[in-house]
């Protein structure tokens, strides 16, 4: 079920009202049932896969806590990891690996292998709930979390509908105990949660979905478009993916907050970051901290030699790219971010050696670093969005060779204006993004209660404007969220 659908408009208030009407002891079963219904709205049979891994991880968690023998503990952890990673490997990566094996076989033997492709769809949000389940077994294994003995509560931890299909990827320490606590209706949680949901819906249907139409035109056939067209739509995609994904996170956090549950923050105005390192402390925080805690730190983090440290960073982002999708475009996207961070380490060393690192604190350098970081991120987004590596290089080549040609901006607008609606939409989106850039940091503080508008009517006027924009300019074609495919 999509947050931006009519069905959810009915589902959410019904489940929330029933939640507060029912006694505390029945609420977990209501939420688990509602979460199953929510997930089965996509491909019903795939819930069996989810419950299969839930049963394995639930049992593994109990054995991990009760076992003192280190070898047996590692065995139970391995069983859990094999079950979760195995499901990912089959559904998400099998056909990708087979593609590459067949290409290698054609080059070596002039014929493909006899292995058959699997004609199966990827379960919605598989990578998200798999990583959430793995964080539980890791935490129990390391002794930082007690095993959950209530099977229904553990199943709810994995399946909690607000963050089931696209995060935030929660840790057991944050959310498990909340399912045991009795929740009471609180007006400030209701208003704060609904404000966050409305802001998230605005980002999704007003910005992301309107931008998507123009991005799709250019990226579907990049060889047919000028450099300026591709540059403009690449900028558009940077805002599309941010508004799409952070919009989902806002709605997920807001929906949970209404019922009294606190989910972790997942975005913190990432495009104001002054470095790639800072960008990843602001973008998809639940995933970046997951890789930090369960891959980067176990590899040694930065407590090793400089060359090993740089290798650790590169490996983590390479795996992050693979996590995002079974396509070489995602691998290159992850590798680029790893390379960015490796270059940053070298740059910081040189600045420190030359005694020039204090210049970075000056305002002009902060602005330059913010712009540079945004453009590095946007460049990497080209690979993330492109249909193939070949398309990505076509886009880069056309941008590099066609930005400064006379009338290039006019050509870009005219190409997008083949349909008169596209022309007006292009101008509208440009104005919309400029307004969003000014509003986003302010809204981030308002919904968190860190910034209070001086007059109450200003708050109502602001949200009236947002709601009116959703009604007037929102795209209500029930477009799926980008990160659902991961």
Protein backbone atom coordinates (compact mmCIF):
# COMPACT_ATOMS: atom_id res chain seq x y z
CA UNK A 1 0.00 0.00 0.00
CA UNK A 2 1.32 3.42 -0.91
CA UNK A 3 1.29 6.33 1.53
CA UNK A 4 0.17 8.56 -1.35
CA UNK A 5 -2.90 6.44 -2.15
CA UNK A 6 -6.60 6.75 -1.41
CA UNK A 7 -6.48 3.35 0.33
CA UNK A 8 -3.95 4.65 2.87
CA UNK A 9 -6.16 7.69 3.49
CA UNK A 10 -8.70 5.19 4.87
CA UNK A 11 -6.26 2.66 6.33
CA UNK A 12 -4.30 5.09 8.52
CA UNK A 13 -7.16 6.70 10.50
CA UNK A 14 -8.98 3.37 10.92
CA UNK A 15 -5.89 1.61 12.32
CA UNK A 16 -4.97 4.60 14.50
CA UNK A 17 -8.46 4.91 16.00
CA UNK A 18 -8.64 1.17 16.68
CA UNK A 19 -5.18 1.34 18.25
CA UNK A 20 -6.30 3.83 20.90
CA UNK A 21 -9.70 2.18 21.42
CA UNK A 22 -8.29 -1.29 22.07
CA UNK A 23 -6.72 -2.24 25.43
CA UNK A 24 -2.92 -2.25 25.50
CA UNK A 25 -2.64 -6.06 25.48
CA UNK A 26 -4.35 -6.29 22.08
CA UNK A 27 -2.51 -3.48 20.33
CA UNK A 28 0.49 -5.50 19.15
CA UNK A 29 -1.83 -7.96 17.40
CA UNK A 30 -3.75 -5.09 15.76
CA UNK A 31 -0.54 -3.51 14.47
CA UNK A 32 0.84 -6.86 13.28
CA UNK A 33 -2.41 -7.66 11.45
CA UNK A 34 -2.52 -4.18 9.93
CA UNK A 35 1.13 -4.47 8.88
CA UNK A 36 0.46 -7.83 7.20
CA UNK A 37 -2.50 -6.32 5.35
CA UNK A 38 -0.36 -3.30 4.38
CA UNK A 39 2.40 -5.54 2.97
CA UNK A 40 0.06 -7.99 1.25
CA UNK A 41 -1.42 -5.10 -0.71
CA UNK A 42 1.61 -5.44 -3.01
CA UNK A 43 2.25 -9.18 -3.67
CA UNK A 44 0.39 -11.22 -1.03
CA UNK A 45 2.33 -14.48 -1.33
CA UNK A 46 5.64 -12.78 -0.48
CA UNK A 47 4.55 -12.40 3.11
CA UNK A 48 5.41 -16.10 3.48
CA UNK A 49 9.06 -15.29 2.70
CA UNK A 50 9.02 -12.54 5.30
CA UNK A 51 7.55 -14.80 7.97
CA UNK A 52 10.03 -17.54 7.10
CA UNK A 53 12.98 -15.29 7.92
CA UNK A 54 11.17 -13.89 10.96
CA UNK A 55 10.81 -17.41 12.44
CA UNK A 56 14.49 -18.22 11.78
CA UNK A 57 15.72 -14.95 13.30
CA UNK A 58 13.39 -15.24 16.31
CA UNK A 59 14.72 -18.71 17.14
CA UNK A 60 18.31 -17.69 16.40
CA UNK A 61 18.00 -14.74 18.78
CA UNK A 62 16.91 -16.96 21.68
CA UNK A 63 19.72 -19.45 21.03
CA UNK A 64 22.24 -16.62 20.73
CA UNK A 65 21.27 -15.32 24.16
CA UNK A 66 21.10 -18.71 25.88
CA UNK A 67 24.33 -20.13 24.45
CA UNK A 68 27.67 -19.50 26.12
CA UNK A 69 29.85 -21.47 23.71
CA UNK A 70 31.39 -18.92 21.27
CA UNK A 71 31.53 -21.41 18.41
CA UNK A 72 27.86 -22.31 18.74
CA UNK A 73 26.96 -18.62 18.99
CA UNK A 74 28.80 -17.95 15.74
CA UNK A 75 26.95 -20.89 14.19
CA UNK A 76 23.52 -19.50 15.17
CA UNK A 77 24.51 -16.05 13.93
CA UNK A 78 25.66 -17.60 10.66
CA UNK A 79 22.34 -19.44 10.27
CA UNK A 80 20.46 -16.16 10.66
CA UNK A 81 22.75 -14.31 8.22
CA UNK A 82 22.59 -17.09 5.63
CA UNK A 83 18.79 -17.10 5.78
CA UNK A 84 18.54 -13.33 5.32
CA UNK A 85 21.34 -12.85 2.81
CA UNK A 86 20.22 -15.99 0.98
CA UNK A 87 16.77 -14.52 0.35
CA UNK A 88 18.41 -11.32 -0.92
CA UNK A 89 20.78 -13.30 -3.14
CA UNK A 90 17.98 -15.30 -4.76
CA UNK A 91 15.40 -12.57 -5.29
CA UNK A 92 17.62 -9.56 -5.87
CA UNK A 93 20.97 -10.74 -7.25
CA UNK A 94 20.59 -14.17 -8.86
CA UNK A 95 19.60 -12.89 -12.32
CA UNK A 96 22.22 -10.12 -12.11
CA UNK A 97 25.00 -12.61 -11.36
CA UNK A 98 23.71 -14.92 -14.08
CA UNK A 99 23.82 -12.03 -16.58
CA UNK A 100 27.48 -11.46 -15.80
CA UNK A 101 28.33 -15.17 -15.83
CA UNK A 102 26.69 -15.53 -19.23
CA UNK A 103 28.60 -12.53 -20.61
CA UNK A 104 31.85 -14.02 -19.36
CA UNK A 105 30.93 -17.41 -20.84
CA UNK A 106 30.17 -15.80 -24.21
CA UNK A 107 33.57 -14.11 -24.24
CA UNK A 108 35.42 -17.25 -23.15
CA UNK A 109 33.49 -20.06 -24.85
CA UNK A 110 31.27 -18.23 -27.34
CA UNK A 111 28.11 -19.57 -25.68
CA UNK A 112 26.16 -18.82 -22.50
CA UNK A 113 25.74 -21.19 -19.58
CA UNK A 114 22.82 -23.61 -19.28
CA UNK A 115 21.60 -21.92 -16.10
CA UNK A 116 18.08 -20.54 -16.24
CA UNK A 117 16.86 -17.12 -15.16
CA UNK A 118 14.31 -16.86 -12.37
CA UNK A 119 11.04 -15.24 -13.43
CA UNK A 120 10.26 -13.74 -10.05
CA UNK A 121 9.56 -10.22 -8.89
CA UNK A 122 11.60 -8.58 -6.16
CA UNK A 123 9.62 -8.42 -2.89
CA UNK A 124 8.88 -4.81 -1.96
CA UNK A 125 11.39 -3.36 0.53
CA UNK A 126 13.29 -6.66 0.84
CA UNK A 127 16.64 -5.00 1.59
CA UNK A 128 15.12 -2.80 4.30
CA UNK A 129 13.43 -5.42 6.45
CA UNK A 130 16.33 -7.84 5.86
CA UNK A 131 18.80 -5.31 7.26
CA UNK A 132 16.48 -4.55 10.18
CA UNK A 133 16.25 -8.25 11.00
CA UNK A 134 20.04 -8.61 10.73
CA UNK A 135 20.60 -5.69 13.11
CA UNK A 136 18.59 -7.61 15.73
CA UNK A 137 20.68 -10.78 15.51
CA UNK A 138 23.92 -8.73 15.49
CA UNK A 139 22.87 -6.85 18.63
CA UNK A 140 21.85 -10.05 20.46
CA UNK A 141 25.09 -11.73 19.38
CA UNK A 142 27.19 -8.84 20.74
CA UNK A 143 25.19 -8.84 23.98
CA UNK A 144 23.84 -5.32 23.49
CA UNK A 145 20.21 -6.47 23.22
CA UNK A 146 18.23 -9.16 25.03
CA UNK A 147 16.44 -11.67 22.83
CA UNK A 148 12.75 -10.89 22.35
CA UNK A 149 10.75 -13.82 23.75
CA UNK A 150 7.35 -12.59 22.55
CA UNK A 151 7.09 -13.86 18.98
CA UNK A 152 4.34 -11.40 18.03
CA UNK A 153 6.35 -8.42 19.28
CA UNK A 154 9.44 -9.59 17.40
CA UNK A 155 7.40 -10.06 14.21
CA UNK A 156 6.02 -6.54 14.68
CA UNK A 157 9.59 -5.21 15.06
CA UNK A 158 10.35 -6.45 11.54
CA UNK A 159 6.94 -5.69 10.04
CA UNK A 160 5.83 -2.41 11.65
CA UNK A 161 3.93 -0.94 8.71
CA UNK A 162 5.14 2.71 8.75
CA UNK A 163 8.76 1.73 8.10
CA UNK A 164 8.33 -1.78 6.69
CA UNK A 165 9.14 -1.16 3.04
CA UNK A 166 11.54 1.82 2.99
CA UNK A 167 12.80 2.42 6.51
CA UNK A 168 14.09 4.00 8.60
CA UNK A 169 16.06 0.81 9.33
CA UNK A 170 15.52 0.60 13.06
CA UNK A 171 17.70 -0.92 15.77
CA UNK A 172 16.09 -3.20 18.36
CA UNK A 173 17.24 -0.96 21.24
CA UNK A 174 15.15 1.91 19.88
CA UNK A 175 11.89 0.28 18.93
CA UNK A 176 11.40 -3.13 20.61
CA UNK A 177 10.84 -1.75 24.11
CA UNK A 178 8.33 0.75 22.71
CA UNK A 179 6.02 -2.09 21.60
CA UNK A 180 5.87 -3.28 25.22
CA UNK A 181 5.05 0.18 26.59
CA UNK A 182 1.49 1.37 26.99
CA UNK A 183 0.80 4.31 24.73
CA UNK A 184 -1.67 7.09 25.46
CA UNK A 185 -3.30 9.53 23.09
CA UNK A 186 -1.41 12.83 23.17
CA UNK A 187 -2.55 15.84 21.19
CA UNK A 188 0.95 17.21 20.66
CA UNK A 189 2.00 13.88 19.11
CA UNK A 190 -1.07 13.87 16.89
CA UNK A 191 -0.46 17.40 15.63
CA UNK A 192 3.30 16.96 15.25
CA UNK A 193 2.90 13.61 13.49
CA UNK A 194 0.24 14.90 11.10
CA UNK A 195 2.32 17.98 10.28
CA UNK A 196 5.25 15.77 9.42
CA UNK A 197 3.06 13.51 7.28
CA UNK A 198 1.63 16.48 5.39
CA UNK A 199 5.10 17.88 4.76
CA UNK A 200 6.27 14.47 3.56
CA UNK A 201 3.25 14.15 1.26
CA UNK A 202 4.00 17.62 -0.14
CA UNK A 203 7.58 16.60 -0.95
CA UNK A 204 6.37 13.42 -2.63
CA UNK A 205 3.34 14.43 -4.72
CA UNK A 206 4.09 18.12 -5.37
CA UNK A 207 7.85 18.02 -6.00
CA UNK A 208 9.12 14.47 -6.57
CA UNK A 209 6.25 13.19 -8.73
CA UNK A 210 6.05 16.34 -10.85
CA UNK A 211 9.81 16.31 -11.37
CA UNK A 212 9.74 12.59 -12.24
CA UNK A 213 7.89 13.15 -15.51
CA UNK A 214 10.59 15.46 -16.87
CA UNK A 215 13.48 13.31 -15.63
CA UNK A 216 11.92 10.25 -17.28
CA UNK A 217 11.73 12.05 -20.64
CA UNK A 218 15.45 12.82 -20.70
CA UNK A 219 16.80 9.64 -19.09
CA UNK A 220 14.69 7.27 -21.21
CA UNK A 221 16.65 8.19 -24.36
CA UNK A 222 19.69 10.26 -23.32
CA UNK A 223 21.29 10.05 -26.75
CA UNK A 224 18.41 12.13 -28.16
CA UNK A 225 18.88 15.07 -25.77
CA UNK A 226 21.28 17.99 -25.53
CA UNK A 227 23.78 18.49 -22.74
CA UNK A 228 21.75 21.28 -21.19
CA UNK A 229 18.59 19.16 -21.15
CA UNK A 230 20.45 16.33 -19.43
CA UNK A 231 22.16 18.70 -17.00
CA UNK A 232 18.86 20.33 -16.08
CA UNK A 233 17.11 16.98 -15.54
CA UNK A 234 20.10 15.66 -13.56
CA UNK A 235 19.66 18.58 -11.17
CA UNK A 236 15.95 17.80 -11.12
CA UNK A 237 16.64 14.17 -10.22
CA UNK A 238 18.77 15.23 -7.25
CA UNK A 239 15.69 16.92 -5.82
CA UNK A 240 13.33 14.20 -6.99
CA UNK A 241 15.12 11.43 -5.11
CA UNK A 242 15.58 13.59 -2.01
CA UNK A 243 11.94 14.65 -1.86
CA UNK A 244 10.72 11.15 -2.75
CA UNK A 245 12.76 9.30 -0.14
CA UNK A 246 12.75 11.89 2.65
CA UNK A 247 9.04 12.38 1.98
CA UNK A 248 8.45 8.68 2.66
CA UNK A 249 10.58 8.86 5.81
CA UNK A 250 8.65 11.89 7.05
CA UNK A 251 5.33 10.12 6.53
CA UNK A 252 6.63 6.94 8.21
CA UNK A 253 7.99 8.82 11.23
CA UNK A 254 4.84 10.94 11.44
CA UNK A 255 2.47 7.94 11.26
CA UNK A 256 4.39 6.18 14.02
CA UNK A 257 4.53 9.36 16.13
CA UNK A 258 0.74 9.74 16.09
CA UNK A 259 0.48 6.35 17.84
CA UNK A 260 3.22 7.25 20.32
CA UNK A 261 6.20 5.51 18.68
CA UNK A 262 9.48 7.29 17.96
CA UNK A 263 11.39 6.25 14.86
CA UNK A 264 14.92 7.48 14.20
CA UNK A 265 15.60 10.52 12.06
CA UNK A 266 16.56 9.53 8.52
CA UNK A 267 17.33 12.84 6.77
CA UNK A 268 18.75 16.14 7.95
CA UNK A 269 18.83 18.67 5.06
CA UNK A 270 21.64 16.75 3.29
CA UNK A 271 22.19 19.22 0.45
CA UNK A 272 23.62 21.82 2.83
CA UNK A 273 26.49 19.44 3.70
CA UNK A 274 29.97 20.90 3.28
CA UNK A 275 31.65 17.54 2.60
CA UNK A 276 30.76 14.03 1.43
CA UNK A 277 31.36 12.78 4.97
CA UNK A 278 28.85 15.31 6.30
CA UNK A 279 26.44 14.42 3.49
CA UNK A 280 26.36 10.82 4.70
CA UNK A 281 25.71 11.98 8.25
CA UNK A 282 22.60 13.70 6.88
CA UNK A 283 21.40 11.35 4.09
CA UNK A 284 19.68 8.00 4.80
CA UNK A 285 21.09 8.08 8.32
CA UNK A 286 19.63 4.70 9.30
CA UNK A 287 21.50 2.94 6.47
CA UNK A 288 24.79 4.84 6.81
CA UNK A 289 24.90 4.11 10.55
CA UNK A 290 24.00 0.46 9.85
CA UNK A 291 27.02 0.07 7.58
CA UNK A 292 29.14 1.98 10.09
CA UNK A 293 28.24 -0.29 13.00
CA UNK A 294 28.10 -3.68 11.28
CA UNK A 295 30.70 -3.41 8.52
CA UNK A 296 32.97 -0.37 8.84
CA UNK A 297 33.79 -0.71 12.56
CA UNK A 298 34.26 -4.52 12.46
CA UNK A 299 36.72 -3.97 9.57
CA UNK A 300 38.71 -1.70 11.85
CA UNK A 301 37.20 1.65 10.92
CA UNK A 302 39.80 4.39 11.16
CA UNK A 303 41.76 2.61 13.91
CA UNK A 304 44.05 1.05 11.33
CA UNK A 305 46.74 2.25 8.93
CA UNK A 306 45.74 5.04 6.55
CA UNK A 307 45.76 2.75 3.52
CA UNK A 308 43.58 0.17 5.31
CA UNK A 309 41.28 2.96 6.50
CA UNK A 310 40.81 4.16 2.93
CA UNK A 311 40.19 0.59 1.79
CA UNK A 312 37.56 0.14 4.52
CA UNK A 313 35.71 3.26 3.38
CA UNK A 314 35.82 2.21 -0.26
CA UNK A 315 34.61 -1.32 0.53
CA UNK A 316 31.72 -0.06 2.66
CA UNK A 317 30.45 2.22 -0.08
CA UNK A 318 30.97 -0.44 -2.72
CA UNK A 319 28.75 -2.78 -0.67
CA UNK A 320 26.29 0.08 -0.18
CA UNK A 321 26.06 0.43 -3.95
CA UNK A 322 25.40 -3.29 -4.35
CA UNK A 323 22.79 -3.10 -1.58
CA UNK A 324 20.87 -0.50 -3.57
CA UNK A 325 20.42 -2.62 -6.66
CA UNK A 326 21.54 -5.44 -8.93
CA UNK A 327 23.03 -3.22 -11.62
CA UNK A 328 26.55 -2.00 -12.34
CA UNK A 329 25.21 1.56 -12.22
CA UNK A 330 24.66 1.21 -8.46
CA UNK A 331 28.08 -0.36 -7.99
CA UNK A 332 29.70 2.62 -9.73
CA UNK A 333 27.55 5.04 -7.70
CA UNK A 334 28.77 3.46 -4.46
CA UNK A 335 32.36 3.32 -5.69
CA UNK A 336 32.25 7.03 -6.55
CA UNK A 337 31.27 7.95 -3.00
CA UNK A 338 34.04 5.71 -1.69
CA UNK A 339 36.53 7.47 -3.97
CA UNK A 340 35.23 10.88 -2.87
CA UNK A 341 35.95 9.99 0.77
CA UNK A 342 39.40 8.60 -0.05
CA UNK A 343 40.28 11.83 -1.87
CA UNK A 344 38.96 13.83 1.12
CA UNK A 345 41.39 12.00 3.42
CA UNK A 346 44.32 12.85 1.15
CA UNK A 347 43.10 16.46 0.81
CA UNK A 348 42.79 16.92 4.58
CA UNK A 349 46.31 15.57 5.07
CA UNK A 350 47.71 18.01 2.54
CA UNK A 351 45.83 20.97 4.01
CA UNK A 352 47.06 20.10 7.49
CA UNK A 353 50.63 19.69 6.23
CA UNK A 354 50.49 23.06 4.47
CA UNK A 355 48.80 24.73 7.45
CA UNK A 356 45.87 25.78 5.25
CA UNK A 357 43.09 23.85 6.99
CA UNK A 358 41.96 26.96 8.92
CA UNK A 359 40.81 28.54 5.65
CA UNK A 360 38.02 25.96 5.45
CA UNK A 361 36.29 27.74 8.34
CA UNK A 362 35.84 30.96 6.40
CA UNK A 363 32.36 31.65 5.03
CA UNK A 364 33.44 31.77 1.37
CA UNK A 365 35.06 28.34 1.68
CA UNK A 366 31.99 26.90 3.41
CA UNK A 367 29.80 28.08 0.53
CA UNK A 368 32.25 26.69 -2.01
CA UNK A 369 32.43 23.34 -0.20
CA UNK A 370 28.63 23.11 -0.04
CA UNK A 371 28.30 23.75 -3.78
CA UNK A 372 31.13 21.33 -4.58
CA UNK A 373 29.59 18.61 -2.40
CA UNK A 374 26.18 19.05 -4.02
CA UNK A 375 27.67 18.75 -7.51
CA UNK A 376 29.72 15.69 -6.60
CA UNK A 377 26.59 14.04 -5.22
CA UNK A 378 24.57 15.06 -8.29
CA UNK A 379 27.25 13.66 -10.60
CA UNK A 380 27.03 10.31 -8.77
CA UNK A 381 23.22 10.43 -9.03
CA UNK A 382 23.61 10.19 -12.82
CA UNK A 383 24.81 6.59 -12.44
CA UNK A 384 22.13 5.90 -9.82
CA UNK A 385 19.33 7.01 -12.16
CA UNK A 386 20.64 5.86 -15.56
CA UNK A 387 19.21 2.67 -17.02
CA UNK A 388 22.69 1.35 -17.85
CA UNK A 389 26.35 2.25 -17.54
CA UNK A 390 26.34 3.10 -21.25
CA UNK A 391 23.45 5.53 -20.76
CA UNK A 392 25.27 7.14 -17.82
CA UNK A 393 28.38 7.80 -19.90
CA UNK A 394 26.22 9.09 -22.76
CA UNK A 395 24.65 11.59 -20.36
CA UNK A 396 28.03 12.68 -19.01
CA UNK A 397 29.50 12.99 -22.53
CA UNK A 398 26.54 15.04 -23.77
CA UNK A 399 26.65 17.31 -20.72
CA UNK A 400 30.40 17.85 -21.06
CA UNK A 401 30.14 18.63 -24.76
CA UNK A 402 26.91 20.54 -25.01
CA UNK A 403 26.38 22.90 -22.08
CA UNK A 404 27.97 25.98 -23.57
CA UNK A 405 26.60 25.81 -27.09
CA UNK A 406 24.60 28.92 -28.12
CA UNK A 407 20.95 28.66 -27.19
CA UNK A 408 21.50 25.45 -25.22
CA UNK A 409 19.19 26.48 -22.38
CA UNK A 410 16.48 27.42 -24.85
CA UNK A 411 16.96 24.06 -26.58
CA UNK A 412 16.58 22.27 -23.25
CA UNK A 413 13.31 24.02 -22.53
CA UNK A 414 12.04 23.44 -26.07
CA UNK A 415 12.80 19.71 -25.93
CA UNK A 416 10.96 19.40 -22.65
CA UNK A 417 8.20 21.50 -24.19
CA UNK A 418 7.27 19.09 -26.99
CA UNK A 419 4.15 18.68 -24.95
CA UNK A 420 2.93 22.19 -23.92
CA UNK A 421 2.28 20.83 -20.44
CA UNK A 422 5.98 19.98 -20.09
CA UNK A 423 7.04 23.55 -20.79
CA UNK A 424 4.84 25.05 -18.10
CA UNK A 425 5.74 22.19 -15.77
CA UNK A 426 9.46 22.86 -16.30
CA UNK A 427 9.13 26.52 -15.37
CA UNK A 428 6.84 25.64 -12.46
CA UNK A 429 9.29 23.03 -11.14
CA UNK A 430 12.20 25.48 -11.31
CA UNK A 431 10.27 27.95 -9.19
CA UNK A 432 9.06 25.16 -6.91
CA UNK A 433 12.58 23.88 -6.24
CA UNK A 434 13.83 27.40 -5.47
CA UNK A 435 10.99 27.83 -2.98
CA UNK A 436 11.65 24.39 -1.52
CA UNK A 437 15.33 25.21 -0.97
CA UNK A 438 14.29 28.19 1.14
CA UNK A 439 11.52 26.33 2.98
CA UNK A 440 13.14 22.95 3.69
CA UNK A 441 15.57 24.02 6.48
CA UNK A 442 12.79 26.06 8.10
CA UNK A 443 10.27 23.20 7.93
CA UNK A 444 12.82 20.79 9.32
CA UNK A 445 13.07 22.96 12.43
CA UNK A 446 9.34 23.69 12.67
CA UNK A 447 8.23 20.05 12.65
CA UNK A 448 10.88 19.21 15.26
CA UNK A 449 9.72 22.09 17.47
CA UNK A 450 13.12 23.80 17.26
CA UNK A 451 11.71 26.88 15.56
CA UNK A 452 8.50 28.55 16.67
CA UNK A 453 6.74 30.99 14.38
CA UNK A 454 6.18 34.29 16.21
CA UNK A 455 2.45 34.34 15.50
CA UNK A 456 0.04 31.39 15.52
CA UNK A 457 -1.64 32.57 12.32
CA UNK A 458 1.71 32.24 10.50
CA UNK A 459 1.81 28.54 11.34
CA UNK A 460 -1.75 28.01 10.09
CA UNK A 461 -1.04 30.06 6.98
CA UNK A 462 2.06 28.00 6.23
CA UNK A 463 0.28 24.66 6.52
CA UNK A 464 -2.74 25.98 4.64
CA UNK A 465 -0.37 26.87 1.81
CA UNK A 466 1.19 23.39 1.89
CA UNK A 467 -2.20 21.64 1.89
CA UNK A 468 -3.46 23.90 -0.91
CA UNK A 469 -0.32 23.11 -2.94
CA UNK A 470 -0.94 19.39 -2.46
CA UNK A 471 -4.53 19.75 -3.68
CA UNK A 472 -3.75 22.08 -6.60
CA UNK A 473 -0.38 20.82 -7.79
CA UNK A 474 -0.06 17.33 -6.35
CA UNK A 475 0.35 14.42 -8.73
CA UNK A 476 -2.14 11.78 -7.62
CA UNK A 477 -1.29 8.97 -10.00
CA UNK A 478 -0.19 6.86 -6.99
CA UNK A 479 3.43 6.77 -8.16
CA UNK A 480 5.49 4.29 -6.16
CA UNK A 481 8.39 5.52 -4.03
CA UNK A 482 11.83 5.16 -5.61
CA UNK A 483 13.30 3.21 -2.72
CA UNK A 484 10.54 0.59 -2.79
CA UNK A 485 12.60 -1.20 -5.45
CA UNK A 486 15.40 -1.76 -2.94
